[in-house]
Amino acid sequence: MDEAAGGSVSLRPAALYHYRYGQEVSGPYGKVDARSVTGLALLDTDGLVLLDLPGAWDVRAVRGFAEAAGLPVVAGPPTPSGQVRALLSGRAPGWRRMSGLPRPRASRWRLPLAVCAGVTGLAVMTYLALSGAWQAWRGLASLGRLALDLLDAKWLAVAFSPLLLIARPLAGRLHHWRNSRGTVLGPPGGPYLQVKKDLLHLTRGRDHIRTLLLARARGSVAGLLLYRHAANTGLVITTRAGRPLHHLPGPWPPEDVHRFAARHGLELRVCTLSREEYVTLLRSCPDACP
């Protein structure tokens, strides 16, 4: 039961998977920081994930619960990060993720408040600039930067940086336009694909996940596999021989995938997989985005 999000689910898993894997996160000034992602997953008989519960789980508590329930525990921490991500990307029909985070409140007021804060900040900064009060302008700007450094508040970022009100929608429209032309593939927040100088870049937000060389430049990437299994869909980056390299579960519009593949000379296959084919595909994939 997820009391914070207000949901519950009843499952009969075949095993528990206590996992941990490393993830590189892009920090300020281009610095790349290593972060550890931990959690607990419930697996079915084929090793597919029924339920993902990210977060810190005490090892003794997990083993005690597993022994009382008569379930085996798969120890994930010694496993390489790529294999852990590949296993977590194997979603069983009805797959769910419970994060334990509360539902956002008053979300309908967030956009109007952000607009009002941005307009107010822009009006104050413009008035100070037109009045010649440059010292006050610099002081207000310095105060805003100091508050952002201390509080890391998104509301203050909008108030003291009014251009963010138009920068984010413009960036979203630009990404959608590039998606419609086939230069990128995927949502703005990621994960999404783009090709630069014969390199296929996989990105999530500002975090760089992986870079693969295309086959035309003597690399390994030669095609894309768009699949469906029951209610699950996903995209697989493959070699010329059809061997999977990276698994990207989730919805991928076929039209966008076709445009991206045609633009960059990638072979595209679309198929519906049986359960056996789906499990075989997941087990042969060395890396994934869970």
C-alpha atoms as a PDB file:
ATOM      1  CA  MET A   1       0.000   0.000   0.000  1.00  0.00           C
ATOM      2  CA  ASP A   2       1.260   3.484  -0.922  1.00  0.00           C
ATOM      3  CA  GLU A   3      -0.400   5.727   1.632  1.00  0.00           C
ATOM      4  CA  ALA A   4       1.332   8.873   0.377  1.00  0.00           C
ATOM      5  CA  ALA A   5       0.070   8.478  -3.188  1.00  0.00           C
ATOM      6  CA  GLY A   6      -3.237   6.951  -2.135  1.00  0.00           C
ATOM      7  CA  GLY A   7      -2.918   3.666  -4.045  1.00  0.00           C
ATOM      8  CA  SER A   8      -2.630  -0.026  -3.281  1.00  0.00           C
ATOM      9  CA  VAL A   9      -2.052  -3.211  -5.239  1.00  0.00           C
ATOM     10  CA  SER A  10      -2.157  -6.943  -4.450  1.00  0.00           C
ATOM     11  CA  LEU A  11       0.424  -9.184  -6.095  1.00  0.00           C
ATOM     12  CA  ARG A  12       1.856 -12.696  -5.818  1.00  0.00           C
ATOM     13  CA  PRO A  13       5.554 -12.371  -6.680  1.00  0.00           C
ATOM     14  CA  ALA A  14       7.909 -15.277  -7.210  1.00  0.00           C
ATOM     15  CA  ALA A  15      10.947 -13.432  -5.798  1.00  0.00           C
ATOM     16  CA  LEU A  16      12.182 -10.142  -4.384  1.00  0.00           C
ATOM     17  CA  TYR A  17      14.990  -8.229  -6.074  1.00  0.00           C
ATOM     18  CA  HIS A  18      16.984  -5.923  -3.789  1.00  0.00           C
ATOM     19  CA  TYR A  19      18.919  -3.765  -6.230  1.00  0.00           C
ATOM     20  CA  ARG A  20      21.448  -0.978  -6.394  1.00  0.00           C
ATOM     21  CA  TYR A  21      23.114   0.491  -9.465  1.00  0.00           C
ATOM     22  CA  GLY A  22      25.256   3.492 -10.304  1.00  0.00           C
ATOM     23  CA  GLN A  23      24.065   6.429 -12.354  1.00  0.00           C
ATOM     24  CA  GLU A  24      26.007   9.384 -13.699  1.00  0.00           C
ATOM     25  CA  VAL A  25      24.344  12.754 -13.138  1.00  0.00           C
ATOM     26  CA  SER A  26      25.441  16.005 -14.767  1.00  0.00           C
ATOM     27  CA  GLY A  27      26.120  18.563 -12.067  1.00  0.00           C
ATOM     28  CA  PRO A  28      26.907  22.285 -12.244  1.00  0.00           C
ATOM     29  CA  TYR A  29      29.724  23.540 -14.478  1.00  0.00           C
ATOM     30  CA  GLY A  30      29.655  20.297 -16.483  1.00  0.00           C
ATOM     31  CA  LYS A  31      30.768  18.167 -13.563  1.00  0.00           C
ATOM     32  CA  VAL A  32      29.610  14.536 -13.673  1.00  0.00           C
ATOM     33  CA  ASP A  33      28.653  13.061 -10.315  1.00  0.00           C
ATOM     34  CA  ALA A  34      28.071   9.388  -9.521  1.00  0.00           C
ATOM     35  CA  ARG A  35      24.811   8.575  -7.783  1.00  0.00           C
ATOM     36  CA  SER A  36      23.582   5.271  -6.359  1.00  0.00           C
ATOM     37  CA  VAL A  37      19.997   4.247  -7.103  1.00  0.00           C
ATOM     38  CA  THR A  38      18.501   1.677  -4.730  1.00  0.00           C
ATOM     39  CA  GLY A  39      15.174  -0.055  -4.424  1.00  0.00           C
ATOM     40  CA  LEU A  40      13.178  -3.246  -4.187  1.00  0.00           C
ATOM     41  CA  ALA A  41      11.419  -4.992  -7.067  1.00  0.00           C
ATOM     42  CA  LEU A  42       8.865  -7.800  -7.099  1.00  0.00           C
ATOM     43  CA  LEU A  43       9.539 -10.384  -9.827  1.00  0.00           C
ATOM     44  CA  ASP A  44       7.330 -12.975 -11.471  1.00  0.00           C
ATOM     45  CA  THR A  45       8.361 -16.505 -12.456  1.00  0.00           C
ATOM     46  CA  ASP A  46      10.116 -15.269 -15.638  1.00  0.00           C
ATOM     47  CA  GLY A  47      12.050 -12.565 -13.822  1.00  0.00           C
ATOM     48  CA  LEU A  48       9.853  -9.725 -15.088  1.00  0.00           C
ATOM     49  CA  VAL A  49       9.150  -6.814 -12.776  1.00  0.00           C
ATOM     50  CA  LEU A  50       5.634  -6.715 -11.355  1.00  0.00           C
ATOM     51  CA  LEU A  51       6.225  -3.796  -9.005  1.00  0.00           C
ATOM     52  CA  ASP A  52       9.157  -1.389  -8.585  1.00  0.00           C
ATOM     53  CA  LEU A  53       9.661   0.263  -5.181  1.00  0.00           C
ATOM     54  CA  PRO A  54      12.609   2.672  -5.440  1.00  0.00           C
ATOM     55  CA  GLY A  55      14.210   3.887  -2.233  1.00  0.00           C
ATOM     56  CA  ALA A  56      16.378   2.718   0.650  1.00  0.00           C
ATOM     57  CA  TRP A  57      15.413  -0.719   2.013  1.00  0.00           C
ATOM     58  CA  ASP A  58      17.129  -2.276   5.011  1.00  0.00           C
ATOM     59  CA  VAL A  59      18.771  -5.570   4.062  1.00  0.00           C
ATOM     60  CA  ARG A  60      17.800  -7.361   7.279  1.00  0.00           C
ATOM     61  CA  ALA A  61      14.205  -6.166   7.065  1.00  0.00           C
ATOM     62  CA  VAL A  62      13.932  -7.375   3.459  1.00  0.00           C
ATOM     63  CA  ARG A  63      15.361 -10.788   4.277  1.00  0.00           C
ATOM     64  CA  GLY A  64      13.151 -11.122   7.344  1.00  0.00           C
ATOM     65  CA  PHE A  65      10.039 -10.312   5.318  1.00  0.00           C
ATOM     66  CA  ALA A  66      11.099 -12.676   2.526  1.00  0.00           C
ATOM     67  CA  GLU A  67      11.657 -15.557   4.957  1.00  0.00           C
ATOM     68  CA  ALA A  68       8.253 -14.996   6.569  1.00  0.00           C
ATOM     69  CA  ALA A  69       6.582 -14.913   3.152  1.00  0.00           C
ATOM     70  CA  GLY A  70       8.574 -17.848   1.778  1.00  0.00           C
ATOM     71  CA  LEU A  71      10.105 -15.839  -1.058  1.00  0.00           C
ATOM     72  CA  PRO A  72      13.697 -15.940  -2.305  1.00  0.00           C
ATOM     73  CA  VAL A  73      15.712 -12.717  -2.371  1.00  0.00           C
ATOM     74  CA  VAL A  74      17.865 -11.926  -5.379  1.00  0.00           C
ATOM     75  CA  ALA A  75      20.914  -9.928  -4.264  1.00  0.00           C
ATOM     76  CA  GLY A  76      21.402  -7.104  -6.736  1.00  0.00           C
ATOM     77  CA  PRO A  77      24.218  -4.944  -5.297  1.00  0.00           C
ATOM     78  CA  PRO A  78      27.194  -7.058  -6.579  1.00  0.00           C
ATOM     79  CA  THR A  79      25.713  -7.091 -10.098  1.00  0.00           C
ATOM     80  CA  PRO A  80      27.093  -4.632 -12.703  1.00  0.00           C
ATOM     81  CA  SER A  81      24.911  -1.564 -13.158  1.00  0.00           C
ATOM     82  CA  GLY A  82      24.071  -2.351 -16.778  1.00  0.00           C
ATOM     83  CA  GLN A  83      22.663  -5.766 -15.911  1.00  0.00           C
ATOM     84  CA  VAL A  84      20.611  -4.312 -13.050  1.00  0.00           C
ATOM     85  CA  ARG A  85      19.076  -1.695 -15.345  1.00  0.00           C
ATOM     86  CA  ALA A  86      18.417  -4.350 -17.976  1.00  0.00           C
ATOM     87  CA  LEU A  87      16.533  -6.508 -15.470  1.00  0.00           C
ATOM     88  CA  LEU A  88      14.486  -3.587 -14.143  1.00  0.00           C
ATOM     89  CA  SER A  89      13.451  -2.635 -17.683  1.00  0.00           C
ATOM     90  CA  GLY A  90      11.737  -6.018 -18.126  1.00  0.00           C
ATOM     91  CA  ARG A  91       8.187  -5.052 -17.252  1.00  0.00           C
ATOM     92  CA  ALA A  92       5.496  -7.645 -16.754  1.00  0.00           C
ATOM     93  CA  PRO A  93       1.928  -6.928 -17.929  1.00  0.00           C
ATOM     94  CA  GLY A  94       0.371  -4.610 -15.359  1.00  0.00           C
ATOM     95  CA  TRP A  95       3.774  -3.287 -14.254  1.00  0.00           C
ATOM     96  CA  ARG A  96       3.668  -0.456 -11.719  1.00  0.00           C
ATOM     97  CA  ARG A  97       6.062   1.810  -9.835  1.00  0.00           C
ATOM     98  CA  MET A  98       5.301   3.185  -6.377  1.00  0.00           C
ATOM     99  CA  SER A  99       7.617   5.922  -5.190  1.00  0.00           C
ATOM    100  CA  GLY A 100       5.891   6.796  -1.916  1.00  0.00           C
ATOM    101  CA  LEU A 101       5.820  10.480  -2.836  1.00  0.00           C
ATOM    102  CA  PRO A 102       2.651  12.431  -2.009  1.00  0.00           C
ATOM    103  CA  ARG A 103       0.479  13.748  -4.783  1.00  0.00           C
ATOM    104  CA  PRO A 104       1.122  17.399  -5.606  1.00  0.00           C
ATOM    105  CA  ARG A 105      -1.489  19.718  -4.166  1.00  0.00           C
ATOM    106  CA  ALA A 106      -3.005  22.759  -5.803  1.00  0.00           C
ATOM    107  CA  SER A 107      -1.277  21.948  -9.068  1.00  0.00           C
ATOM    108  CA  ARG A 108      -3.809  24.034 -11.013  1.00  0.00           C
ATOM    109  CA  TRP A 109      -2.540  27.162  -9.232  1.00  0.00           C
ATOM    110  CA  ARG A 110       1.117  26.569 -10.014  1.00  0.00           C
ATOM    111  CA  LEU A 111       1.097  28.001 -13.525  1.00  0.00           C
ATOM    112  CA  PRO A 112      -0.868  31.196 -12.643  1.00  0.00           C
ATOM    113  CA  LEU A 113       1.353  31.790  -9.601  1.00  0.00           C
ATOM    114  CA  ALA A 114       4.486  31.245 -11.686  1.00  0.00           C
ATOM    115  CA  VAL A 115       3.242  33.694 -14.332  1.00  0.00           C
ATOM    116  CA  CYS A 116       2.350  36.307 -11.696  1.00  0.00           C
ATOM    117  CA  ALA A 117       5.726  35.902  -9.990  1.00  0.00           C
ATOM    118  CA  GLY A 118       7.567  36.215 -13.281  1.00  0.00           C
ATOM    119  CA  VAL A 119       5.590  39.271 -14.438  1.00  0.00           C
ATOM    120  CA  THR A 120       6.097  40.955 -11.066  1.00  0.00           C
ATOM    121  CA  GLY A 121       9.826  40.288 -11.143  1.00  0.00           C
ATOM    122  CA  LEU A 122      10.077  41.563 -14.720  1.00  0.00           C
ATOM    123  CA  ALA A 123       8.097  44.707 -13.871  1.00  0.00           C
ATOM    124  CA  VAL A 124      10.258  45.517 -10.835  1.00  0.00           C
ATOM    125  CA  MET A 125      13.516  44.959 -12.724  1.00  0.00           C
ATOM    126  CA  THR A 126      12.272  47.067 -15.685  1.00  0.00           C
ATOM    127  CA  TYR A 127      11.157  49.908 -13.412  1.00  0.00           C
ATOM    128  CA  LEU A 128      14.506  49.998 -11.641  1.00  0.00           C
ATOM    129  CA  ALA A 129      16.374  49.966 -14.944  1.00  0.00           C
ATOM    130  CA  LEU A 130      14.269  52.797 -16.460  1.00  0.00           C
ATOM    131  CA  SER A 131      14.557  54.843 -13.263  1.00  0.00           C
ATOM    132  CA  GLY A 132      18.315  54.644 -13.340  1.00  0.00           C
ATOM    133  CA  ALA A 133      18.432  52.865  -9.987  1.00  0.00           C
ATOM    134  CA  TRP A 134      21.240  50.600 -11.070  1.00  0.00           C
ATOM    135  CA  GLN A 135      22.494  50.037  -7.542  1.00  0.00           C
ATOM    136  CA  ALA A 136      19.057  48.854  -6.448  1.00  0.00           C
ATOM    137  CA  TRP A 137      18.826  46.733  -9.605  1.00  0.00           C
ATOM    138  CA  ARG A 138      22.164  45.085  -8.877  1.00  0.00           C
ATOM    139  CA  GLY A 139      21.270  44.646  -5.228  1.00  0.00           C
ATOM    140  CA  LEU A 140      17.952  42.983  -6.082  1.00  0.00           C
ATOM    141  CA  ALA A 141      19.636  40.698  -8.592  1.00  0.00           C
ATOM    142  CA  SER A 142      22.331  39.773  -6.065  1.00  0.00           C
ATOM    143  CA  LEU A 143      19.662  39.123  -3.440  1.00  0.00           C
ATOM    144  CA  GLY A 144      17.856  36.817  -5.831  1.00  0.00           C
ATOM    145  CA  ARG A 145      21.013  34.867  -6.658  1.00  0.00           C
ATOM    146  CA  LEU A 146      21.861  34.572  -2.964  1.00  0.00           C
ATOM    147  CA  ALA A 147      18.371  33.306  -2.139  1.00  0.00           C
ATOM    148  CA  LEU A 148      18.595  30.763  -4.957  1.00  0.00           C
ATOM    149  CA  ASP A 149      21.962  29.503  -3.693  1.00  0.00           C
ATOM    150  CA  LEU A 150      20.651  29.149  -0.165  1.00  0.00           C
ATOM    151  CA  LEU A 151      17.162  27.784  -0.813  1.00  0.00           C
ATOM    152  CA  ASP A 152      17.374  26.262  -4.308  1.00  0.00           C
ATOM    153  CA  ALA A 153      13.725  27.289  -4.778  1.00  0.00           C
ATOM    154  CA  LYS A 154      12.131  27.030  -8.198  1.00  0.00           C
ATOM    155  CA  TRP A 155       9.608  29.749  -7.347  1.00  0.00           C
ATOM    156  CA  LEU A 156      12.398  32.254  -6.670  1.00  0.00           C
ATOM    157  CA  ALA A 157      14.116  31.184  -9.876  1.00  0.00           C
ATOM    158  CA  VAL A 158      10.980  32.122 -11.803  1.00  0.00           C
ATOM    159  CA  ALA A 159      10.574  35.410  -9.874  1.00  0.00           C
ATOM    160  CA  PHE A 160      14.146  36.596 -10.419  1.00  0.00           C
ATOM    161  CA  SER A 161      14.532  35.107 -13.918  1.00  0.00           C
ATOM    162  CA  PRO A 162      11.396  36.114 -15.857  1.00  0.00           C
ATOM    163  CA  LEU A 163      12.867  34.799 -19.106  1.00  0.00           C
ATOM    164  CA  LEU A 164      12.299  31.264 -17.774  1.00  0.00           C
ATOM    165  CA  LEU A 165       8.582  31.836 -18.380  1.00  0.00           C
ATOM    166  CA  ILE A 166       9.163  31.833 -22.120  1.00  0.00           C
ATOM    167  CA  ALA A 167      12.399  29.828 -22.293  1.00  0.00           C
ATOM    168  CA  ARG A 168      10.855  26.533 -21.193  1.00  0.00           C
ATOM    169  CA  PRO A 169       7.857  26.623 -23.594  1.00  0.00           C
ATOM    170  CA  LEU A 170      10.166  27.667 -26.423  1.00  0.00           C
ATOM    171  CA  ALA A 171      12.546  24.828 -25.626  1.00  0.00           C
ATOM    172  CA  GLY A 172       9.623  22.391 -25.618  1.00  0.00           C
ATOM    173  CA  ARG A 173       8.382  23.670 -28.979  1.00  0.00           C
ATOM    174  CA  LEU A 174      11.884  23.474 -30.429  1.00  0.00           C
ATOM    175  CA  HIS A 175      12.235  19.881 -29.246  1.00  0.00           C
ATOM    176  CA  HIS A 176       8.823  19.014 -30.725  1.00  0.00           C
ATOM    177  CA  TRP A 177       9.853  20.623 -34.045  1.00  0.00           C
ATOM    178  CA  ARG A 178      13.110  18.650 -34.088  1.00  0.00           C
ATOM    179  CA  ASN A 179      11.130  15.508 -33.264  1.00  0.00           C
ATOM    180  CA  SER A 180       8.809  16.146 -36.208  1.00  0.00           C
ATOM    181  CA  ARG A 181      11.855  16.448 -38.513  1.00  0.00           C
ATOM    182  CA  GLY A 182      13.481  13.285 -37.206  1.00  0.00           C
ATOM    183  CA  THR A 183      16.588  14.920 -35.746  1.00  0.00           C
ATOM    184  CA  VAL A 184      15.686  13.735 -32.226  1.00  0.00           C
ATOM    185  CA  LEU A 185      13.485  10.931 -30.953  1.00  0.00           C
ATOM    186  CA  GLY A 186      11.706  11.001 -27.622  1.00  0.00           C
ATOM    187  CA  PRO A 187      10.102  13.454 -25.180  1.00  0.00           C
ATOM    188  CA  PRO A 188      11.936  16.628 -24.032  1.00  0.00           C
ATOM    189  CA  GLY A 189      12.483  15.250 -20.530  1.00  0.00           C
ATOM    190  CA  GLY A 190      13.927  12.058 -21.943  1.00  0.00           C
ATOM    191  CA  PRO A 191      15.037   9.537 -22.527  1.00  0.00           C
ATOM    192  CA  TYR A 192      15.559  10.708 -26.089  1.00  0.00           C
ATOM    193  CA  LEU A 193      17.930   9.889 -28.950  1.00  0.00           C
ATOM    194  CA  GLN A 194      19.907  12.176 -31.218  1.00  0.00           C
ATOM    195  CA  VAL A 195      22.718  11.682 -33.708  1.00  0.00           C
ATOM    196  CA  LYS A 196      25.793  13.925 -33.805  1.00  0.00           C
ATOM    197  CA  LYS A 197      28.785  13.147 -36.023  1.00  0.00           C
ATOM    198  CA  ASP A 198      27.915   9.453 -36.432  1.00  0.00           C
ATOM    199  CA  LEU A 199      27.391   9.074 -32.678  1.00  0.00           C
ATOM    200  CA  LEU A 200      24.042   8.060 -31.234  1.00  0.00           C
ATOM    201  CA  HIS A 201      23.531   9.918 -27.951  1.00  0.00           C
ATOM    202  CA  LEU A 202      21.039   8.724 -25.348  1.00  0.00           C
ATOM    203  CA  THR A 203      20.010  11.496 -22.938  1.00  0.00           C
ATOM    204  CA  ARG A 204      17.568  11.948 -20.076  1.00  0.00           C
ATOM    205  CA  GLY A 205      17.018  15.607 -19.239  1.00  0.00           C
ATOM    206  CA  ARG A 206      20.506  17.011 -18.698  1.00  0.00           C
ATOM    207  CA  ASP A 207      21.983  13.623 -17.830  1.00  0.00           C
ATOM    208  CA  HIS A 208      23.971  11.796 -20.482  1.00  0.00           C
ATOM    209  CA  ILE A 209      23.285   8.066 -20.348  1.00  0.00           C
ATOM    210  CA  ARG A 210      25.195   6.450 -23.189  1.00  0.00           C
ATOM    211  CA  THR A 211      26.937   7.108 -26.525  1.00  0.00           C
ATOM    212  CA  LEU A 212      27.106   4.522 -29.314  1.00  0.00           C
ATOM    213  CA  LEU A 213      28.879   4.662 -32.676  1.00  0.00           C
ATOM    214  CA  LEU A 214      26.786   4.061 -35.800  1.00  0.00           C
ATOM    215  CA  ALA A 215      27.560   1.109 -38.056  1.00  0.00           C
ATOM    216  CA  ARG A 216      28.280   3.376 -41.033  1.00  0.00           C
ATOM    217  CA  ALA A 217      31.240   4.712 -39.038  1.00  0.00           C
ATOM    218  CA  ARG A 218      32.424   1.195 -38.174  1.00  0.00           C
ATOM    219  CA  GLY A 219      30.392   1.153 -34.986  1.00  0.00           C
ATOM    220  CA  SER A 220      27.731  -1.196 -33.684  1.00  0.00           C
ATOM    221  CA  VAL A 221      24.415   0.656 -34.027  1.00  0.00           C
ATOM    222  CA  ALA A 222      22.587  -0.290 -37.214  1.00  0.00           C
ATOM    223  CA  GLY A 223      18.878  -0.433 -36.432  1.00  0.00           C
ATOM    224  CA  LEU A 224      15.908   0.027 -34.150  1.00  0.00           C
ATOM    225  CA  LEU A 225      13.361  -2.513 -32.997  1.00  0.00           C
ATOM    226  CA  LEU A 226       9.925  -1.206 -32.024  1.00  0.00           C
ATOM    227  CA  TYR A 227       8.015  -3.925 -30.199  1.00  0.00           C
ATOM    228  CA  ARG A 228       4.764  -4.634 -28.411  1.00  0.00           C
ATOM    229  CA  HIS A 229       4.088  -7.373 -25.887  1.00  0.00           C
ATOM    230  CA  ALA A 230       0.630  -7.409 -24.307  1.00  0.00           C
ATOM    231  CA  ALA A 231       0.252  -3.867 -22.924  1.00  0.00           C
ATOM    232  CA  ASN A 232       4.021  -3.272 -22.909  1.00  0.00           C
ATOM    233  CA  THR A 233       5.814  -1.345 -25.634  1.00  0.00           C
ATOM    234  CA  GLY A 234       9.409  -0.298 -26.064  1.00  0.00           C
ATOM    235  CA  LEU A 235      12.319   0.483 -28.341  1.00  0.00           C
ATOM    236  CA  VAL A 236      15.544  -1.503 -28.689  1.00  0.00           C
ATOM    237  CA  ILE A 237      18.763  -0.279 -30.280  1.00  0.00           C
ATOM    238  CA  THR A 238      20.219  -3.162 -32.319  1.00  0.00           C
ATOM    239  CA  THR A 239      23.278  -4.141 -34.343  1.00  0.00           C
ATOM    240  CA  ARG A 240      23.297  -5.089 -38.025  1.00  0.00           C
ATOM    241  CA  ALA A 241      22.800  -8.729 -36.998  1.00  0.00           C
ATOM    242  CA  GLY A 242      19.811  -7.790 -34.849  1.00  0.00           C
ATOM    243  CA  ARG A 243      21.600  -8.184 -31.514  1.00  0.00           C
ATOM    244  CA  PRO A 244      20.124  -5.833 -28.877  1.00  0.00           C
ATOM    245  CA  LEU A 245      22.368  -3.152 -27.389  1.00  0.00           C
ATOM    246  CA  HIS A 246      20.089  -0.954 -25.304  1.00  0.00           C
ATOM    247  CA  HIS A 247      16.472  -1.302 -24.203  1.00  0.00           C
ATOM    248  CA  LEU A 248      14.159   1.702 -23.815  1.00  0.00           C
ATOM    249  CA  PRO A 249      10.798   0.596 -22.396  1.00  0.00           C
ATOM    250  CA  GLY A 250       7.761   2.819 -22.712  1.00  0.00           C
ATOM    251  CA  PRO A 251       5.570   4.328 -25.440  1.00  0.00           C
ATOM    252  CA  TRP A 252       7.350   5.377 -28.638  1.00  0.00           C
ATOM    253  CA  PRO A 253       5.162   6.824 -31.448  1.00  0.00           C
ATOM    254  CA  PRO A 254       5.770   4.717 -34.590  1.00  0.00           C
ATOM    255  CA  GLU A 255       5.656   7.783 -36.866  1.00  0.00           C
ATOM    256  CA  ASP A 256       8.423   9.512 -34.908  1.00  0.00           C
ATOM    257  CA  VAL A 257      10.542   6.352 -34.827  1.00  0.00           C
ATOM    258  CA  HIS A 258      10.137   5.908 -38.593  1.00  0.00           C
ATOM    259  CA  ARG A 259      11.197   9.504 -39.315  1.00  0.00           C
ATOM    260  CA  PHE A 260      14.240   9.225 -37.059  1.00  0.00           C
ATOM    261  CA  ALA A 261      15.323   5.890 -38.558  1.00  0.00           C
ATOM    262  CA  ALA A 262      14.863   7.088 -42.140  1.00  0.00           C
ATOM    263  CA  ARG A 263      16.770  10.319 -41.530  1.00  0.00           C
ATOM    264  CA  HIS A 264      19.792   8.584 -40.045  1.00  0.00           C
ATOM    265  CA  GLY A 265      19.831   5.462 -42.211  1.00  0.00           C
ATOM    266  CA  LEU A 266      18.842   3.005 -39.499  1.00  0.00           C
ATOM    267  CA  GLU A 267      17.004  -0.212 -40.200  1.00  0.00           C
ATOM    268  CA  LEU A 268      13.603  -0.254 -38.488  1.00  0.00           C
ATOM    269  CA  ARG A 269      11.701  -3.374 -37.470  1.00  0.00           C
ATOM    270  CA  VAL A 270       8.236  -3.354 -35.919  1.00  0.00           C
ATOM    271  CA  CYS A 271       6.884  -6.535 -34.388  1.00  0.00           C
ATOM    272  CA  THR A 272       4.615  -8.063 -31.767  1.00  0.00           C
ATOM    273  CA  LEU A 273       6.443 -10.392 -29.393  1.00  0.00           C
ATOM    274  CA  SER A 274       5.188 -13.478 -27.609  1.00  0.00           C
ATOM    275  CA  ARG A 275       6.031 -13.860 -23.935  1.00  0.00           C
ATOM    276  CA  GLU A 276       8.903 -16.225 -24.740  1.00  0.00           C
ATOM    277  CA  GLU A 277      10.343 -13.825 -27.337  1.00  0.00           C
ATOM    278  CA  TYR A 278       9.937 -10.915 -24.955  1.00  0.00           C
ATOM    279  CA  VAL A 279      11.783 -12.683 -22.127  1.00  0.00           C
ATOM    280  CA  THR A 280      14.545 -13.796 -24.517  1.00  0.00           C
ATOM    281  CA  LEU A 281      14.966 -10.243 -25.806  1.00  0.00           C
ATOM    282  CA  LEU A 282      15.274  -8.839 -22.290  1.00  0.00           C
ATOM    283  CA  ARG A 283      17.796 -11.448 -21.183  1.00  0.00           C
ATOM    284  CA  SER A 284      20.006 -10.811 -24.210  1.00  0.00           C
ATOM    285  CA  CYS A 285      20.053  -7.029 -23.797  1.00  0.00           C
ATOM    286  CA  PRO A 286      23.181  -5.833 -21.930  1.00  0.00           C
ATOM    287  CA  ASP A 287      21.880  -2.403 -20.889  1.00  0.00           C
ATOM    288  CA  ALA A 288      18.646  -0.467 -20.524  1.00  0.00           C
ATOM    289  CA  CYS A 289      16.890   2.594 -19.113  1.00  0.00           C
ATOM    290  CA  PRO A 290      14.555   1.290 -16.391  1.00  0.00           C
END
